[in-house]
Amino acid sequence: MKRGLALFFLFCLCACGGRQEHLLSGKTMGTTYHIKVVAGRTFDPAAVQARVEACLGRVNQSMSTFRPDSEISRFNALPAADTPLAISADFLSVMQIAQDIYRLTGGAWDGTVDPLVNLWGFGKAGALHQLPTAEAVERARQAVGFDLIAIDAGGRLSKRRPEVTLDLASIAKGYGVDQVAAVLSELGFKDYVVEIGGEVYAAGARPDGTAWRVGINRPEATAGLDAVYKVVRLDNRALATSGDYRNFYQVDGKRYSHIIDPRTGAPITNQVVSASVVAPDCTRADGLATGLMVMGPEAGIALLDRLDGVEGLIVTRQADGTFKDYGSKGMADLMAE
C-alpha cells in the first residue's frame, strides 16, 4: 500500500562534550536506511553497521516478497488451504500485530490486498491497460481478507482459501526500524534515530539535549523530499507516514490512488493525501498510517483518540487545492515550530 518516502531527517550534525552524531546508511527492503547514533569518538561504525545489516537481512529473509525462499513467499506458494506453515518469531510477531491493526481499523488495513492492488495497476503485474470491471473487482475480493489467514496455538500460519497471499510492505519497514533500534539498545546506545524508507524511531536526545526533530514531507507530487510540511519532536517514539501523492494515475479526468480500500475493492476517494502516526513502536505506526489513509479523517482521528500513547495527523486536499489538517488530541503538543 505504501510506496516511497514520506518522512525524512532534519539533519544537523553537532558535538557536545566529546559526544557526536555518527551517521550510518545503506540499502534494504527496496529502499534506503539512515541511522544517527550519539556516541563518543571510540564509536566503531563498521562493527555497528555489521550488526545492523545482519538484523535487516534476517527481517528481509522473513518478509520480502521479492525473495522466493523467504517465509512470506513460502506461505504465498502454499497450494492448499489448511496447510500449516511453521514460521519464525519475527514473522509471527508481525502477523500478530497485523491482526490487531486489521481489527482496530475495521479491515481498512489488510495485508492480503495485493490482488486488488494488481488489478488496479499498482502492483507487480504492471501498469493498467483499462479500468477493471465491477465483476473483476468482486472476483479479486474473494481472495482478500486478513481473517482468511489462521494462526494456530503453535504459532503456525495457514490459509482458509488457497488463493490468499500476503504482502506486508506497509508494516515490514516499521518492524525493521524497531528491530534495528533493539540492536542499538543492546549495544548500549541510548540516543539514536533509525529511519527506513521514511519510517522513523528516535530514542533519547541529540548531543545538546534537545529532542530529535523529524519532518513530514509536503504532500504534493511536485514537492521535493526535503520539502517540510510539519515537524514533529520525537523522544522514544516512532513516526510513520503514508501518502498517495506520488503514486496515482488519471483516466478521463478522474484520479486513481494506489491506496486501495480492501472493503470496497477500489482506490480511496476520501481526499486524504497524507496520514502520519506517532506511536511507541514503528511497526504499529507504519500499519496504522496506511489504515488511516483508507478510514478518512473522521473515523481515523476517532480511532487515534481511543488508543493510548498514539497520536496522528491526517491531511486532506480540499476542492480548491489547499490542505486541511485533522489532528488527534495530543498531536499539537508534539509539533515543533
Protein backbone atom coordinates (compact mmCIF):
# COMPACT_ATOMS: atom_id res chain seq x y z
CA MET A 1 0.00 0.00 0.00
CA LYS A 2 2.81 2.36 0.75
CA ARG A 3 5.39 3.49 -1.75
CA GLY A 4 8.30 5.91 -1.48
CA LEU A 5 9.47 8.24 1.23
CA ALA A 6 7.05 10.19 3.32
CA LEU A 7 9.41 11.29 6.07
CA PHE A 8 12.98 12.46 6.28
CA PHE A 9 15.54 13.54 8.86
CA LEU A 10 16.23 17.14 9.64
CA PHE A 11 19.99 16.58 9.62
CA CYS A 12 22.07 18.78 11.86
CA LEU A 13 25.45 17.44 12.91
CA CYS A 14 26.71 18.58 16.26
CA ALA A 15 29.06 17.52 19.00
CA CYS A 16 28.83 18.23 22.71
CA GLY A 17 31.22 17.13 25.44
CA GLY A 18 33.05 14.71 23.13
CA ARG A 19 29.79 13.04 22.06
CA GLN A 20 28.71 13.49 18.48
CA GLU A 21 26.26 12.19 15.91
CA HIS A 22 27.66 9.31 13.85
CA LEU A 23 25.91 8.51 10.56
CA LEU A 24 25.33 5.09 9.02
CA SER A 25 23.40 4.37 5.82
CA GLY A 26 22.70 1.62 3.33
CA LYS A 27 20.07 -0.13 1.24
CA THR A 28 17.37 -2.53 2.40
CA MET A 29 13.78 -3.57 1.58
CA GLY A 30 13.91 -1.90 -1.83
CA THR A 31 14.70 1.45 -0.22
CA THR A 32 17.38 3.04 1.97
CA TYR A 33 18.12 3.31 5.66
CA HIS A 34 19.77 6.08 7.66
CA ILE A 35 20.90 5.89 11.27
CA LYS A 36 22.28 8.54 13.60
CA VAL A 37 23.93 7.39 16.83
CA VAL A 38 25.14 9.75 19.53
CA ALA A 39 28.40 8.37 20.91
CA GLY A 40 31.99 9.23 21.73
CA ARG A 41 34.98 9.09 19.42
CA THR A 42 35.51 5.39 20.14
CA PHE A 43 32.37 4.57 18.14
CA ASP A 44 33.12 1.69 15.74
CA PRO A 45 30.93 2.29 12.65
CA ALA A 46 31.94 -0.91 10.86
CA ALA A 47 31.05 -3.13 13.83
CA VAL A 48 27.71 -1.40 14.41
CA GLN A 49 26.79 -1.47 10.73
CA ALA A 50 27.60 -5.18 10.55
CA ARG A 51 25.10 -5.85 13.34
CA VAL A 52 22.51 -3.64 11.63
CA GLU A 53 22.96 -5.37 8.26
CA ALA A 54 22.62 -8.80 9.86
CA CYS A 55 19.41 -7.70 11.55
CA LEU A 56 17.94 -6.30 8.34
CA GLY A 57 18.97 -9.42 6.43
CA ARG A 58 17.01 -11.52 8.91
CA VAL A 59 13.89 -9.36 8.53
CA ASN A 60 14.16 -9.45 4.73
CA GLN A 61 14.53 -13.22 4.75
CA SER A 62 11.30 -13.37 6.66
CA MET A 63 9.08 -10.84 4.89
CA SER A 64 10.44 -9.93 1.44
CA THR A 65 8.09 -10.98 -1.37
CA PHE A 66 11.00 -10.47 -3.79
CA ARG A 67 12.90 -13.42 -2.29
CA PRO A 68 11.43 -16.73 -3.47
CA ASP A 69 12.87 -18.54 -0.44
CA SER A 70 11.57 -16.05 2.17
CA GLU A 71 8.99 -17.13 4.71
CA ILE A 72 6.30 -14.93 3.21
CA SER A 73 6.99 -16.29 -0.29
CA ARG A 74 6.76 -19.85 1.00
CA PHE A 75 3.43 -19.01 2.63
CA ASN A 76 2.11 -17.43 -0.58
CA ALA A 77 3.15 -20.55 -2.52
CA LEU A 78 1.16 -22.92 -0.32
CA PRO A 79 -1.14 -24.67 -2.82
CA ALA A 80 -3.91 -25.70 -0.46
CA ALA A 81 -6.00 -24.34 2.38
CA ASP A 82 -5.49 -25.51 5.97
CA THR A 83 -1.83 -26.42 5.39
CA PRO A 84 0.13 -25.18 8.42
CA LEU A 85 3.49 -23.46 7.92
CA ALA A 86 5.92 -23.07 10.78
CA ILE A 87 7.30 -19.53 10.91
CA SER A 88 9.97 -17.56 12.77
CA ALA A 89 9.43 -15.41 15.83
CA ASP A 90 9.86 -12.32 13.63
CA PHE A 91 7.13 -13.32 11.21
CA LEU A 92 4.80 -14.40 14.00
CA SER A 93 5.26 -11.11 15.85
CA VAL A 94 4.43 -9.08 12.76
CA MET A 95 1.40 -11.23 11.96
CA GLN A 96 0.02 -10.82 15.49
CA ILE A 97 0.42 -7.04 15.31
CA ALA A 98 -1.11 -7.09 11.82
CA GLN A 99 -4.15 -8.98 13.14
CA ASP A 100 -4.60 -6.28 15.77
CA ILE A 101 -4.33 -3.44 13.23
CA TYR A 102 -6.77 -5.20 10.90
CA ARG A 103 -9.25 -5.42 13.79
CA LEU A 104 -8.70 -1.85 15.03
CA THR A 105 -9.17 -0.35 11.55
CA GLY A 106 -12.21 -2.47 10.72
CA GLY A 107 -10.39 -4.00 7.76
CA ALA A 108 -9.11 -0.69 6.36
CA TRP A 109 -5.59 -2.11 6.73
CA ASP A 110 -5.32 -5.55 5.15
CA GLY A 111 -2.12 -7.39 4.26
CA THR A 112 -3.93 -9.60 1.73
CA VAL A 113 -4.98 -6.71 -0.56
CA ASP A 114 -2.45 -7.48 -3.33
CA PRO A 115 -4.97 -8.99 -5.79
CA LEU A 116 -6.78 -5.65 -5.82
CA VAL A 117 -3.54 -3.64 -5.99
CA ASN A 118 -2.53 -5.66 -9.07
CA LEU A 119 -5.99 -5.38 -10.60
CA TRP A 120 -5.86 -1.58 -10.43
CA GLY A 121 -2.38 -1.46 -12.00
CA PHE A 122 -0.24 -0.64 -8.97
CA GLY A 123 1.37 -3.98 -8.23
CA LYS A 124 3.92 -6.39 -9.65
CA ALA A 125 1.57 -7.22 -12.53
CA GLY A 126 2.42 -3.88 -14.11
CA ALA A 127 0.53 -0.91 -15.49
CA LEU A 128 -3.20 -0.89 -16.08
CA HIS A 129 -4.49 -1.15 -19.66
CA GLN A 130 -8.13 -0.47 -18.83
CA LEU A 131 -10.13 0.10 -15.68
CA PRO A 132 -11.31 -3.15 -14.09
CA THR A 133 -14.96 -4.10 -14.28
CA ALA A 134 -17.13 -4.48 -11.20
CA GLU A 135 -17.13 -8.24 -11.81
CA ALA A 136 -13.33 -8.35 -11.88
CA VAL A 137 -13.15 -6.39 -8.65
CA GLU A 138 -15.56 -8.76 -6.97
CA ARG A 139 -13.58 -11.79 -8.12
CA ALA A 140 -10.38 -10.31 -6.74
CA ARG A 141 -12.07 -9.52 -3.43
CA GLN A 142 -12.73 -13.22 -2.87
CA ALA A 143 -9.00 -13.65 -2.11
CA VAL A 144 -8.82 -10.57 0.14
CA GLY A 145 -9.38 -10.58 3.89
CA PHE A 146 -6.89 -10.89 6.71
CA ASP A 147 -9.37 -13.12 8.50
CA LEU A 148 -8.70 -15.68 5.75
CA ILE A 149 -5.37 -16.39 7.47
CA ALA A 150 -5.28 -18.53 10.61
CA ILE A 151 -2.63 -18.64 13.33
CA ASP A 152 -2.82 -21.82 15.38
CA ALA A 153 -1.84 -22.35 19.01
CA GLY A 154 1.65 -23.39 17.92
CA GLY A 155 2.19 -20.14 16.01
CA ARG A 156 1.83 -21.73 12.57
CA LEU A 157 0.14 -19.97 9.63
CA SER A 158 -2.41 -21.41 7.26
CA LYS A 159 -4.83 -20.14 4.62
CA ARG A 160 -8.57 -20.57 4.68
CA ARG A 161 -8.62 -20.15 0.88
CA PRO A 162 -5.72 -21.40 -1.28
CA GLU A 163 -5.53 -18.23 -3.41
CA VAL A 164 -4.86 -15.94 -0.44
CA THR A 165 -1.48 -14.17 -0.47
CA LEU A 166 0.34 -11.84 1.91
CA ASP A 167 2.26 -8.62 1.31
CA LEU A 168 3.43 -6.89 4.48
CA ALA A 169 5.21 -3.97 2.79
CA SER A 170 3.02 -1.50 4.67
CA ILE A 171 4.22 -2.79 8.04
CA ALA A 172 7.54 -4.60 7.48
CA LYS A 173 9.66 -1.44 7.20
CA GLY A 174 8.32 -0.33 10.55
CA TYR A 175 9.24 -3.69 12.02
CA GLY A 176 12.71 -3.37 10.54
CA VAL A 177 13.08 0.01 12.25
CA ASP A 178 12.06 -1.50 15.58
CA GLN A 179 14.49 -4.39 15.22
CA VAL A 180 17.42 -2.11 14.37
CA ALA A 181 16.51 0.08 17.34
CA ALA A 182 16.60 -3.03 19.53
CA VAL A 183 20.10 -3.86 18.22
CA LEU A 184 21.35 -0.36 19.05
CA SER A 185 19.88 -0.59 22.54
CA GLU A 186 21.53 -3.98 23.05
CA LEU A 187 24.85 -2.39 22.08
CA GLY A 188 24.36 0.14 24.88
CA PHE A 189 23.37 3.21 22.89
CA LYS A 190 20.67 5.41 24.40
CA ASP A 191 20.47 8.29 21.91
CA TYR A 192 19.84 7.45 18.26
CA VAL A 193 17.48 7.70 15.30
CA VAL A 194 16.67 4.89 12.87
CA GLU A 195 14.95 5.54 9.53
CA ILE A 196 13.98 3.02 6.85
CA GLY A 197 12.14 4.25 3.77
CA GLY A 198 10.79 7.23 5.70
CA GLU A 199 9.65 5.36 8.82
CA VAL A 200 11.45 6.53 11.96
CA TYR A 201 12.14 5.64 15.58
CA ALA A 202 14.00 8.13 17.80
CA ALA A 203 15.47 7.32 21.22
CA GLY A 204 16.83 9.73 23.79
CA ALA A 205 18.03 13.09 22.53
CA ARG A 206 20.64 14.90 20.45
CA PRO A 207 24.08 15.65 21.92
CA ASP A 208 22.91 19.08 23.14
CA GLY A 209 19.96 17.53 24.96
CA THR A 210 17.29 18.78 22.56
CA ALA A 211 14.64 16.50 21.08
CA TRP A 212 15.07 14.77 17.75
CA ARG A 213 13.11 16.54 15.01
CA VAL A 214 11.64 14.67 12.04
CA GLY A 215 9.98 16.33 9.08
CA ILE A 216 6.77 15.23 7.40
CA ASN A 217 7.06 15.70 3.63
CA ARG A 218 4.76 18.19 1.97
CA PRO A 219 2.03 16.02 0.39
CA GLU A 220 2.35 17.11 -3.22
CA ALA A 221 3.63 15.18 -6.21
CA THR A 222 5.93 18.06 -7.17
CA ALA A 223 7.37 18.51 -3.67
CA GLY A 224 10.98 17.50 -3.12
CA LEU A 225 11.83 15.01 -0.42
CA ASP A 226 13.27 17.88 1.59
CA ALA A 227 10.05 19.94 1.42
CA VAL A 228 8.81 20.20 5.00
CA TYR A 229 5.09 20.29 5.76
CA LYS A 230 5.23 19.77 9.52
CA VAL A 231 7.98 18.97 12.02
CA VAL A 232 7.47 16.51 14.87
CA ARG A 233 9.54 16.15 18.04
CA LEU A 234 10.28 12.54 18.95
CA ASP A 235 11.51 11.10 22.25
CA ASN A 236 11.49 7.30 22.48
CA ARG A 237 8.71 7.15 19.93
CA ALA A 238 8.17 6.25 16.29
CA LEU A 239 6.72 8.23 13.40
CA ALA A 240 5.38 6.74 10.17
CA THR A 241 3.64 8.44 7.25
CA SER A 242 1.62 7.11 4.35
CA GLY A 243 0.63 9.18 1.32
CA ASP A 244 -0.99 8.90 -2.09
CA TYR A 245 0.56 11.95 -3.72
CA ARG A 246 3.41 10.20 -5.58
CA ASN A 247 1.72 7.06 -6.94
CA PHE A 248 -1.50 7.60 -8.86
CA TYR A 249 -2.87 7.93 -12.39
CA GLN A 250 -5.75 9.72 -14.08
CA VAL A 251 -8.31 8.32 -16.51
CA ASP A 252 -10.84 10.64 -18.18
CA GLY A 253 -10.02 13.33 -15.66
CA LYS A 254 -10.57 11.09 -12.62
CA ARG A 255 -7.71 10.44 -10.22
CA TYR A 256 -7.00 6.88 -9.04
CA SER A 257 -4.79 6.43 -5.97
CA HIS A 258 -2.54 3.42 -5.26
CA ILE A 259 -4.13 3.24 -1.79
CA ILE A 260 -6.87 0.61 -2.18
CA ASP A 261 -9.78 0.27 0.22
CA PRO A 262 -9.92 -3.51 0.85
CA ARG A 263 -13.53 -3.18 1.96
CA THR A 264 -14.78 -1.77 -1.36
CA GLY A 265 -12.08 -3.09 -3.69
CA ALA A 266 -11.45 0.36 -5.19
CA PRO A 267 -8.92 3.19 -4.75
CA ILE A 268 -9.74 5.64 -1.97
CA THR A 269 -11.78 8.75 -2.83
CA ASN A 270 -11.83 10.45 0.59
CA GLN A 271 -9.45 13.34 -0.28
CA VAL A 272 -6.83 12.09 2.21
CA VAL A 273 -3.35 12.77 0.83
CA SER A 274 -1.23 12.01 3.90
CA ALA A 275 -1.57 10.26 7.25
CA SER A 276 1.11 10.30 9.95
CA VAL A 277 1.13 8.30 13.18
CA VAL A 278 3.28 8.68 16.30
CA ALA A 279 3.38 5.53 18.43
CA PRO A 280 5.62 3.72 20.91
CA ASP A 281 6.80 1.36 18.15
CA CYS A 282 7.21 1.80 14.42
CA THR A 283 5.51 -1.45 13.42
CA ARG A 284 2.14 -0.21 14.67
CA ALA A 285 2.75 3.33 13.46
CA ASP A 286 3.50 2.01 9.97
CA GLY A 287 0.40 -0.14 9.69
CA LEU A 288 -1.91 2.41 11.29
CA ALA A 289 -0.76 5.17 8.93
CA THR A 290 -1.89 3.10 5.94
CA GLY A 291 -5.15 2.22 7.65
CA LEU A 292 -5.89 5.90 8.35
CA MET A 293 -5.47 6.72 4.65
CA VAL A 294 -8.37 4.38 3.97
CA MET A 295 -10.51 5.26 7.00
CA GLY A 296 -10.54 9.01 6.33
CA PRO A 297 -10.24 11.91 8.77
CA GLU A 298 -13.30 11.48 10.97
CA ALA A 299 -13.09 7.73 11.60
CA GLY A 300 -9.28 7.84 11.62
CA ILE A 301 -8.96 10.54 14.28
CA ALA A 302 -11.67 8.88 16.37
CA LEU A 303 -9.59 5.69 16.34
CA LEU A 304 -6.39 7.52 17.32
CA ASP A 305 -8.14 9.21 20.22
CA ARG A 306 -9.11 5.80 21.58
CA LEU A 307 -5.55 4.44 21.52
CA ASP A 308 -3.24 5.06 24.47
CA GLY A 309 0.11 6.60 23.57
CA VAL A 310 -0.77 7.03 19.89
CA GLU A 311 -1.22 10.35 18.09
CA GLY A 312 -1.60 11.30 14.47
CA LEU A 313 -2.19 13.84 11.73
CA ILE A 314 -4.38 13.32 8.66
CA VAL A 315 -4.13 15.80 5.77
CA THR A 316 -6.83 16.19 3.13
CA ARG A 317 -6.79 18.18 -0.10
CA GLN A 318 -9.76 20.49 -0.49
CA ALA A 319 -11.55 21.27 -3.77
CA ASP A 320 -9.56 24.49 -4.14
CA GLY A 321 -6.26 22.61 -3.78
CA THR A 322 -5.50 23.76 -0.23
CA PHE A 323 -4.74 21.35 2.62
CA LYS A 324 -6.81 20.76 5.72
CA ASP A 325 -5.28 19.13 8.80
CA TYR A 326 -7.00 16.80 11.23
CA GLY A 327 -5.04 16.02 14.38
CA SER A 328 -5.60 13.73 17.33
CA LYS A 329 -5.99 15.22 20.80
CA GLY A 330 -2.30 15.29 21.68
CA MET A 331 -0.69 15.73 18.26
CA ALA A 332 -0.33 19.51 18.50
CA ASP A 333 1.87 19.09 21.58
CA LEU A 334 4.37 17.09 19.50
CA MET A 335 4.66 19.64 16.73
CA ALA A 336 7.83 21.74 16.55
CA GLU A 337 7.97 25.32 15.35
